[in-house]
């Protein structure tokens, strides 16, 4: 089965199986601006991968519970379900501007829900999550281990005379659910993103569910009715999901962002440093290559901007021995304050600028901690909240070199 590859409303090439791997060929006449990957400029020769999917097509390959559900459903229907089979279903609706469709299909934007608020009002029972996977799983090309689906809420529709059809505008979301093994994951990410925002990072807008166990994250690849190019650092390093914990912060993150930023290099490197410091402070051990990305509208000329911070979670609250996702200075151990400051050299920052960012991140953690603990208490998961708080305290003291956050409420609640 040959698949058709589109960039927004333009067909640009074909994807097919090639032995145990895949091969992609651009159509004739494709504009350089419509390249599907910054690593794959338009050319006549094919792009081949010896095993599995090419990295750009692996970018949005589902993981975790969503992947398990898709494999089960497709295996029942067709007797097999490898990555190529899954892409043939989920590729029609995924993060970024690339679409992968079966022959005869065209890209469509269709609302899947009436209101995101209605969804957030529902309690995330096992039956609810199962139903969401059943309804929306096959149209959810999104990576990440946390259970999630893609949803589209209609905001407007109008007749497009150029295309001679009704055009539907949607507000797109990633809906996430708590994982059974990681209670409070939605609350955890919600408050980590709040810290990130307070610390000066660009972040995705997010909305917590009524019962504290779902999280709707507004997609940032959807602008003015079209989708921007989105390519994560795994793909930009020619790696797939299986290699997302490979590489170093020095090369796989800083050097790669510099190489793919053109005139925006200094700005993107500054923002990357702030995101990395934030994840270190929050003890986010899942800040791997797939959780940093570049956005663009023209693959040849840019501009190329660092994507807002996303998928930030205090993982050490669940895995006491958790370390960093990428190596820095030859180690995945959480860095000491001097190393965090020295890292700024790779972001083209002065020592004074680095200290200012570190101070802003620490202040954001301190400001956000009371509301975070209060929310975990309100949703009857206080012990998890206190573990998150302990991790944040560890981050700001041991890695940022700041005083511990004095919050008597923690010990008071334990003894009550």
Protein backbone atom coordinates (compact mmCIF):
# COMPACT_ATOMS: atom_id res chain seq x y z
CA UNK A 1 0.00 0.00 0.00
CA UNK A 2 1.55 3.26 -1.19
CA UNK A 3 0.73 6.32 0.91
CA UNK A 4 0.34 9.88 -0.36
CA UNK A 5 2.20 12.62 1.53
CA UNK A 6 0.80 16.14 1.74
CA UNK A 7 1.96 19.47 3.17
CA UNK A 8 -1.25 21.23 4.18
CA UNK A 9 -3.33 21.17 0.94
CA UNK A 10 -0.46 20.31 -1.44
CA UNK A 11 0.47 16.75 -2.36
CA UNK A 12 4.27 16.52 -2.29
CA UNK A 13 5.25 12.86 -2.61
CA UNK A 14 4.73 9.17 -1.94
CA UNK A 15 5.80 6.85 0.85
CA UNK A 16 6.13 3.10 0.44
CA UNK A 17 7.54 0.06 2.15
CA UNK A 18 11.10 -0.84 1.17
CA UNK A 19 12.18 -4.20 2.55
CA UNK A 20 12.06 -3.82 6.34
CA UNK A 21 12.11 -0.05 6.00
CA UNK A 22 10.49 2.73 4.01
CA UNK A 23 11.25 4.95 1.03
CA UNK A 24 9.96 8.44 0.21
CA UNK A 25 10.04 10.19 -3.17
CA UNK A 26 9.09 13.81 -3.87
CA UNK A 27 6.72 14.51 -6.75
CA UNK A 28 8.03 16.57 -9.64
CA UNK A 29 7.71 20.32 -9.26
CA UNK A 30 7.44 20.46 -5.47
CA UNK A 31 8.57 23.83 -4.11
CA UNK A 32 11.59 23.82 -1.73
CA UNK A 33 9.41 25.59 0.85
CA UNK A 34 7.21 22.47 1.01
CA UNK A 35 9.93 20.04 2.07
CA UNK A 36 8.51 17.60 4.61
CA UNK A 37 11.61 17.79 6.82
CA UNK A 38 14.43 20.26 7.32
CA UNK A 39 16.69 17.22 6.91
CA UNK A 40 15.05 16.23 3.61
CA UNK A 41 15.24 19.05 1.03
CA UNK A 42 13.33 18.55 -2.21
CA UNK A 43 15.32 16.39 -4.67
CA UNK A 44 14.81 13.78 -7.38
CA UNK A 45 16.47 10.88 -5.55
CA UNK A 46 14.51 8.96 -2.96
CA UNK A 47 15.03 9.08 0.80
CA UNK A 48 15.36 5.59 2.26
CA UNK A 49 15.42 4.15 5.76
CA UNK A 50 16.62 0.56 6.28
CA UNK A 51 14.27 -0.30 9.13
CA UNK A 52 10.88 1.11 10.08
CA UNK A 53 9.81 4.66 9.30
CA UNK A 54 11.95 7.58 8.22
CA UNK A 55 12.47 9.86 11.26
CA UNK A 56 10.10 12.58 9.99
CA UNK A 57 7.26 10.05 9.76
CA UNK A 58 8.16 8.59 13.14
CA UNK A 59 7.81 12.03 14.77
CA UNK A 60 4.10 11.59 15.55
CA UNK A 61 4.04 7.83 16.01
CA UNK A 62 1.74 7.10 18.99
CA UNK A 63 3.27 5.59 22.11
CA UNK A 64 2.13 3.97 25.33
CA UNK A 65 -1.55 3.16 25.87
CA UNK A 66 -2.66 4.86 22.63
CA UNK A 67 -0.22 2.72 20.64
CA UNK A 68 -1.37 -0.45 22.41
CA UNK A 69 -5.00 0.33 21.57
CA UNK A 70 -4.19 1.08 17.94
CA UNK A 71 -2.21 -2.13 17.51
CA UNK A 72 -5.02 -4.19 18.99
CA UNK A 73 -7.69 -2.55 16.84
CA UNK A 74 -5.72 -2.77 13.59
CA UNK A 75 -4.57 -6.33 14.26
CA UNK A 76 -8.17 -7.40 14.69
CA UNK A 77 -9.16 -5.73 11.43
CA UNK A 78 -6.20 -6.60 9.20
CA UNK A 79 -4.18 -9.28 10.98
CA UNK A 80 -1.10 -7.07 11.32
CA UNK A 81 -0.20 -3.66 12.74
CA UNK A 82 3.33 -2.37 12.29
CA UNK A 83 4.38 1.30 12.32
CA UNK A 84 3.54 1.71 8.62
CA UNK A 85 0.01 0.35 9.17
CA UNK A 86 -0.51 2.72 12.10
CA UNK A 87 0.77 5.70 10.11
CA UNK A 88 -1.71 4.88 7.33
CA UNK A 89 -4.50 5.55 9.85
CA UNK A 90 -3.15 8.26 12.14
CA UNK A 91 -1.23 10.17 9.45
CA UNK A 92 -4.35 12.00 8.30
CA UNK A 93 -4.42 13.99 11.55
CA UNK A 94 -1.13 14.63 13.29
CA UNK A 95 0.96 17.42 14.77
CA UNK A 96 2.47 19.73 12.17
CA UNK A 97 1.68 20.36 8.53
CA UNK A 98 2.56 16.94 7.06
CA UNK A 99 -0.34 14.60 6.26
CA UNK A 100 -0.05 10.96 5.23
CA UNK A 101 -3.11 9.64 3.40
CA UNK A 102 -4.24 6.57 1.52
CA UNK A 103 -4.67 6.79 -2.25
CA UNK A 104 -7.73 8.84 -3.23
CA UNK A 105 -7.99 10.68 0.10
CA UNK A 106 -7.50 14.42 0.55
CA UNK A 107 -6.72 16.43 3.70
CA UNK A 108 -9.82 17.46 5.60
CA UNK A 109 -10.45 19.45 8.74
CA UNK A 110 -13.45 18.08 10.57
CA UNK A 111 -14.58 18.95 14.09
CA UNK A 112 -14.69 15.90 16.35
CA UNK A 113 -16.37 17.54 19.37
CA UNK A 114 -18.84 20.33 20.04
CA UNK A 115 -17.06 21.78 23.03
CA UNK A 116 -13.78 21.07 24.80
CA UNK A 117 -15.44 22.32 27.98
CA UNK A 118 -17.98 19.49 27.83
CA UNK A 119 -15.14 16.98 27.58
CA UNK A 120 -13.31 18.54 30.53
CA UNK A 121 -16.47 18.34 32.64
CA UNK A 122 -16.53 14.54 32.33
CA UNK A 123 -14.90 12.30 34.91
CA UNK A 124 -11.95 10.37 33.48
CA UNK A 125 -13.19 6.90 34.41
CA UNK A 126 -11.74 3.83 32.74
CA UNK A 127 -14.88 3.60 30.61
CA UNK A 128 -14.54 7.26 29.55
CA UNK A 129 -10.89 6.87 28.53
CA UNK A 130 -11.67 3.65 26.64
CA UNK A 131 -14.49 5.40 24.80
CA UNK A 132 -12.24 8.32 23.84
CA UNK A 133 -9.65 5.93 22.43
CA UNK A 134 -12.35 4.06 20.52
CA UNK A 135 -13.76 7.25 18.98
CA UNK A 136 -10.61 9.24 18.32
CA UNK A 137 -7.60 6.92 18.58
CA UNK A 138 -7.38 6.10 14.87
CA UNK A 139 -7.22 9.79 14.02
CA UNK A 140 -4.65 10.77 16.64
CA UNK A 141 -1.15 11.06 15.25
CA UNK A 142 0.59 12.26 18.40
CA UNK A 143 3.56 10.88 20.33
CA UNK A 144 4.18 10.68 24.07
CA UNK A 145 3.75 8.03 26.73
CA UNK A 146 0.90 9.79 28.57
CA UNK A 147 -2.53 8.53 27.39
CA UNK A 148 -3.88 11.09 24.91
CA UNK A 149 -5.98 11.75 21.81
CA UNK A 150 -6.34 14.65 19.36
CA UNK A 151 -9.61 16.61 19.37
CA UNK A 152 -10.93 19.40 17.14
CA UNK A 153 -13.58 21.87 18.28
CA UNK A 154 -15.40 23.78 15.51
CA UNK A 155 -15.14 27.55 15.87
CA UNK A 156 -16.27 28.72 12.41
CA UNK A 157 -17.23 27.56 8.91
CA UNK A 158 -17.52 29.43 5.62
CA UNK A 159 -17.68 28.86 1.86
CA UNK A 160 -14.26 29.16 0.21
CA UNK A 161 -14.82 30.34 -3.41
CA UNK A 162 -11.26 29.44 -4.41
CA UNK A 163 -11.63 25.83 -3.31
CA UNK A 164 -15.38 25.71 -4.06
CA UNK A 165 -16.18 24.02 -0.78
CA UNK A 166 -17.10 24.68 2.82
CA UNK A 167 -14.01 25.40 4.90
CA UNK A 168 -14.16 24.58 8.59
CA UNK A 169 -11.96 26.32 11.15
CA UNK A 170 -11.23 24.38 14.28
CA UNK A 171 -9.48 24.90 17.59
CA UNK A 172 -7.31 21.85 18.08
CA UNK A 173 -6.38 20.19 21.36
CA UNK A 174 -4.37 17.32 22.75
CA UNK A 175 -6.50 15.71 25.46
CA UNK A 176 -4.46 13.85 28.08
CA UNK A 177 -5.52 11.48 30.84
CA UNK A 178 -3.89 10.32 34.06
CA UNK A 179 -2.02 7.04 33.67
CA UNK A 180 -2.93 4.29 36.15
CA UNK A 181 0.69 3.93 37.30
CA UNK A 182 1.22 7.69 37.65
CA UNK A 183 -1.57 9.32 39.67
CA UNK A 184 -1.87 13.07 39.40
CA UNK A 185 -0.07 13.26 36.05
CA UNK A 186 -2.52 15.83 34.64
CA UNK A 187 -2.14 18.06 37.70
CA UNK A 188 1.61 17.58 37.58
CA UNK A 189 1.91 18.73 33.96
CA UNK A 190 -0.60 21.55 34.45
CA UNK A 191 1.45 23.09 37.26
CA UNK A 192 4.80 22.41 35.58
CA UNK A 193 3.57 24.36 32.54
CA UNK A 194 2.41 27.09 34.90
CA UNK A 195 5.93 27.32 36.35
CA UNK A 196 7.39 27.36 32.85
CA UNK A 197 5.12 30.25 31.87
CA UNK A 198 5.95 32.21 35.03
CA UNK A 199 9.64 31.62 34.31
CA UNK A 200 9.38 33.40 30.97
CA UNK A 201 9.02 30.42 28.64
CA UNK A 202 6.56 30.37 25.79
CA UNK A 203 4.14 27.56 26.60
CA UNK A 204 1.11 25.86 25.16
CA UNK A 205 -2.20 26.99 26.66
CA UNK A 206 -3.70 24.26 28.82
CA UNK A 207 -6.94 23.63 30.69
CA UNK A 208 -7.39 21.29 33.65
CA UNK A 209 -10.41 19.00 33.77
CA UNK A 210 -13.10 19.47 36.42
CA UNK A 211 -11.99 16.37 38.32
CA UNK A 212 -8.25 17.04 38.01
CA UNK A 213 -7.51 13.92 35.96
CA UNK A 214 -7.64 15.27 32.41
CA UNK A 215 -5.69 18.02 30.69
CA UNK A 216 -6.48 19.75 27.39
CA UNK A 217 -3.42 21.31 25.76
CA UNK A 218 -4.10 23.73 22.93
CA UNK A 219 -2.04 22.89 19.86
CA UNK A 220 0.43 25.57 18.79
CA UNK A 221 0.94 24.31 15.22
CA UNK A 222 -2.41 25.69 14.03
CA UNK A 223 -2.31 29.32 12.87
CA UNK A 224 -4.74 31.25 10.66
CA UNK A 225 -6.40 28.15 9.25
CA UNK A 226 -3.22 26.34 8.26
CA UNK A 227 -0.71 24.25 10.15
CA UNK A 228 2.92 25.14 10.62
CA UNK A 229 5.78 22.76 10.06
CA UNK A 230 6.75 20.95 13.26
CA UNK A 231 9.89 18.88 13.62
CA UNK A 232 11.24 17.57 16.89
CA UNK A 233 14.90 17.27 17.80
CA UNK A 234 14.89 13.50 17.32
CA UNK A 235 13.97 13.91 13.66
CA UNK A 236 16.39 16.82 13.22
CA UNK A 237 19.14 14.54 14.56
CA UNK A 238 18.00 11.80 12.11
CA UNK A 239 16.83 9.65 15.03
CA UNK A 240 13.57 7.82 15.71
CA UNK A 241 11.54 7.45 18.91
CA UNK A 242 13.65 4.48 19.99
CA UNK A 243 16.66 6.80 20.15
CA UNK A 244 15.00 9.75 21.89
CA UNK A 245 17.12 9.34 25.04
CA UNK A 246 20.33 9.33 22.97
CA UNK A 247 22.62 12.25 22.33
CA UNK A 248 23.93 15.05 24.48
CA UNK A 249 22.52 18.41 25.50
CA UNK A 250 25.62 20.00 24.00
CA UNK A 251 25.28 18.50 20.51
CA UNK A 252 21.82 17.00 20.05
CA UNK A 253 20.08 20.06 21.52
CA UNK A 254 22.20 23.23 21.40
CA UNK A 255 24.27 22.47 18.28
CA UNK A 256 21.28 21.13 16.37
CA UNK A 257 19.07 24.10 17.21
CA UNK A 258 21.87 26.42 16.09
CA UNK A 259 22.23 24.54 12.80
CA UNK A 260 18.52 24.72 11.97
CA UNK A 261 17.73 28.26 13.14
CA UNK A 262 19.36 30.48 10.50
CA UNK A 263 19.07 34.14 11.61
CA UNK A 264 17.00 33.13 14.66
CA UNK A 265 19.87 31.16 16.20
CA UNK A 266 20.59 33.46 19.15
CA UNK A 267 16.91 33.83 20.09
CA UNK A 268 16.23 30.10 19.79
CA UNK A 269 19.32 29.18 21.80
CA UNK A 270 18.35 31.63 24.55
CA UNK A 271 14.86 30.13 24.72
CA UNK A 272 16.25 26.59 24.67
CA UNK A 273 18.50 27.36 27.63
CA UNK A 274 15.53 28.70 29.58
CA UNK A 275 13.50 25.57 28.79
CA UNK A 276 16.34 23.27 29.85
CA UNK A 277 16.93 25.15 33.13
CA UNK A 278 13.19 24.95 33.83
CA UNK A 279 13.13 21.17 33.31
CA UNK A 280 16.19 20.76 35.52
CA UNK A 281 14.58 22.80 38.31
CA UNK A 282 11.33 20.81 38.04
CA UNK A 283 13.19 17.49 37.93
CA UNK A 284 11.66 16.61 34.57
CA UNK A 285 13.52 13.46 33.60
CA UNK A 286 11.58 13.12 30.37
CA UNK A 287 13.02 16.16 28.56
CA UNK A 288 14.26 13.97 25.72
CA UNK A 289 14.83 14.82 22.05
CA UNK A 290 11.16 14.52 21.12
CA UNK A 291 10.16 17.13 23.69
CA UNK A 292 11.94 19.99 21.94
CA UNK A 293 10.97 21.09 18.43
CA UNK A 294 11.27 23.70 15.70
CA UNK A 295 8.30 25.44 14.02
CA UNK A 296 8.40 26.86 10.49
CA UNK A 297 6.18 27.77 7.53
CA UNK A 298 8.82 27.73 4.79
CA UNK A 299 11.26 24.81 4.95
CA UNK A 300 13.81 26.69 2.83
CA UNK A 301 13.69 30.26 4.15
CA UNK A 302 12.02 29.99 7.54
CA UNK A 303 11.70 31.73 9.87
CA UNK A 304 12.59 28.87 12.20
CA UNK A 305 11.45 29.29 15.80
CA UNK A 306 11.79 27.10 18.86
CA UNK A 307 8.44 25.54 19.73
CA UNK A 308 6.81 26.55 23.02
CA UNK A 309 7.64 24.39 26.03
CA UNK A 310 5.48 21.26 26.18
CA UNK A 311 5.27 17.86 27.89
CA UNK A 312 6.94 19.05 31.10
CA UNK A 313 6.36 16.78 34.09
CA UNK A 314 8.12 16.27 37.43
CA UNK A 315 8.92 12.62 36.72
CA UNK A 316 11.13 12.27 39.81
CA UNK A 317 7.97 12.39 41.93
CA UNK A 318 7.19 8.90 40.59
CA UNK A 319 10.70 7.55 39.97
CA UNK A 320 12.91 8.48 42.92
CA UNK A 321 16.14 7.64 41.09
CA UNK A 322 15.16 9.44 37.86
CA UNK A 323 17.89 11.33 36.04
CA UNK A 324 18.05 13.69 33.08
CA UNK A 325 16.86 12.38 29.71
CA UNK A 326 19.93 13.62 27.82
CA UNK A 327 23.59 13.58 28.79
CA UNK A 328 25.38 16.78 29.82
CA UNK A 329 29.09 16.89 30.55
CA UNK A 330 29.24 13.12 30.09
CA UNK A 331 26.59 12.38 32.73
CA UNK A 332 22.82 12.16 33.13
CA UNK A 333 23.02 13.14 36.81
CA UNK A 334 21.25 16.37 37.69
CA UNK A 335 23.82 19.16 37.25
CA UNK A 336 25.21 21.37 40.00
CA UNK A 337 24.72 25.17 39.91
CA UNK A 338 28.09 25.88 38.31
CA UNK A 339 27.38 23.45 35.46
CA UNK A 340 23.93 24.96 34.87
CA UNK A 341 25.46 28.41 34.60
CA UNK A 342 28.29 27.24 32.34
CA UNK A 343 25.75 25.60 30.02
CA UNK A 344 24.66 29.12 29.02
CA UNK A 345 27.83 29.57 26.96
CA UNK A 346 26.31 27.24 24.37
CA UNK A 347 23.25 29.49 24.28
CA UNK A 348 25.40 32.55 23.47
CA UNK A 349 24.53 34.05 26.87
CA UNK A 350 26.79 35.94 29.27
CA UNK A 351 27.23 34.81 32.86
CA UNK A 352 25.07 37.72 34.00
CA UNK A 353 22.28 36.77 31.58
CA UNK A 354 22.45 33.14 32.70
CA UNK A 355 22.18 34.13 36.36
CA UNK A 356 19.13 36.26 35.55
CA UNK A 357 17.37 33.33 33.84
CA UNK A 358 18.26 30.96 36.68
CA UNK A 359 16.88 33.48 39.19
CA UNK A 360 13.65 33.88 37.19
CA UNK A 361 13.13 30.11 37.03
CA UNK A 362 13.73 29.74 40.77
CA UNK A 363 11.33 32.58 41.56
CA UNK A 364 8.67 30.97 39.35
CA UNK A 365 8.96 27.66 41.20
CA UNK A 366 8.60 29.44 44.54
CA UNK A 367 5.58 31.44 43.34
CA UNK A 368 3.79 28.41 41.89
CA UNK A 369 4.36 25.91 44.70
CA UNK A 370 1.52 26.92 47.10
CA UNK A 371 -1.19 26.67 44.41
CA UNK A 372 0.25 23.38 43.19
CA UNK A 373 0.08 21.77 46.63
CA UNK A 374 -3.38 23.21 47.24
CA UNK A 375 -4.66 21.68 43.99
CA UNK A 376 -3.26 18.25 44.83
CA UNK A 377 -4.93 18.51 48.24
CA UNK A 378 -8.24 19.58 46.66
CA UNK A 379 -8.25 16.55 44.38
CA UNK A 380 -7.27 14.21 47.24
CA UNK A 381 -3.76 13.45 45.98
CA UNK A 382 -1.80 15.44 48.54
CA UNK A 383 0.98 12.88 48.97
CA UNK A 384 1.76 13.10 45.28
CA UNK A 385 1.76 16.89 45.51
CA UNK A 386 4.19 16.82 48.41
CA UNK A 387 6.53 14.57 46.44
CA UNK A 388 6.37 17.04 43.55
CA UNK A 389 7.14 19.89 45.99
CA UNK A 390 10.13 18.00 47.39
CA UNK A 391 11.46 17.51 43.87
CA UNK A 392 11.04 21.20 43.08
CA UNK A 393 12.89 22.10 46.28
CA UNK A 394 15.68 19.73 45.34
CA UNK A 395 15.90 21.29 41.89
CA UNK A 396 16.16 24.90 43.03
CA UNK A 397 18.65 24.15 45.82
CA UNK A 398 20.93 21.49 44.32
CA UNK A 399 20.90 22.62 40.67
CA UNK A 400 20.05 26.33 40.77
CA UNK A 401 21.98 27.10 43.96
CA UNK A 402 19.08 28.94 45.62
CA UNK A 403 17.74 28.79 49.14
CA UNK A 404 15.14 26.09 49.86
CA UNK A 405 11.52 27.13 49.59
CA UNK A 406 10.20 27.45 53.14
CA UNK A 407 6.66 26.14 53.05
CA UNK A 408 5.43 25.09 56.48
CA UNK A 409 2.16 23.90 54.95
CA UNK A 410 3.92 20.74 53.80
CA UNK A 411 4.87 19.46 57.23
CA UNK A 412 1.63 20.73 58.77
CA UNK A 413 -0.42 18.64 56.34
CA UNK A 414 1.65 15.51 56.92
CA UNK A 415 1.06 15.71 60.67
CA UNK A 416 -2.65 16.56 60.48
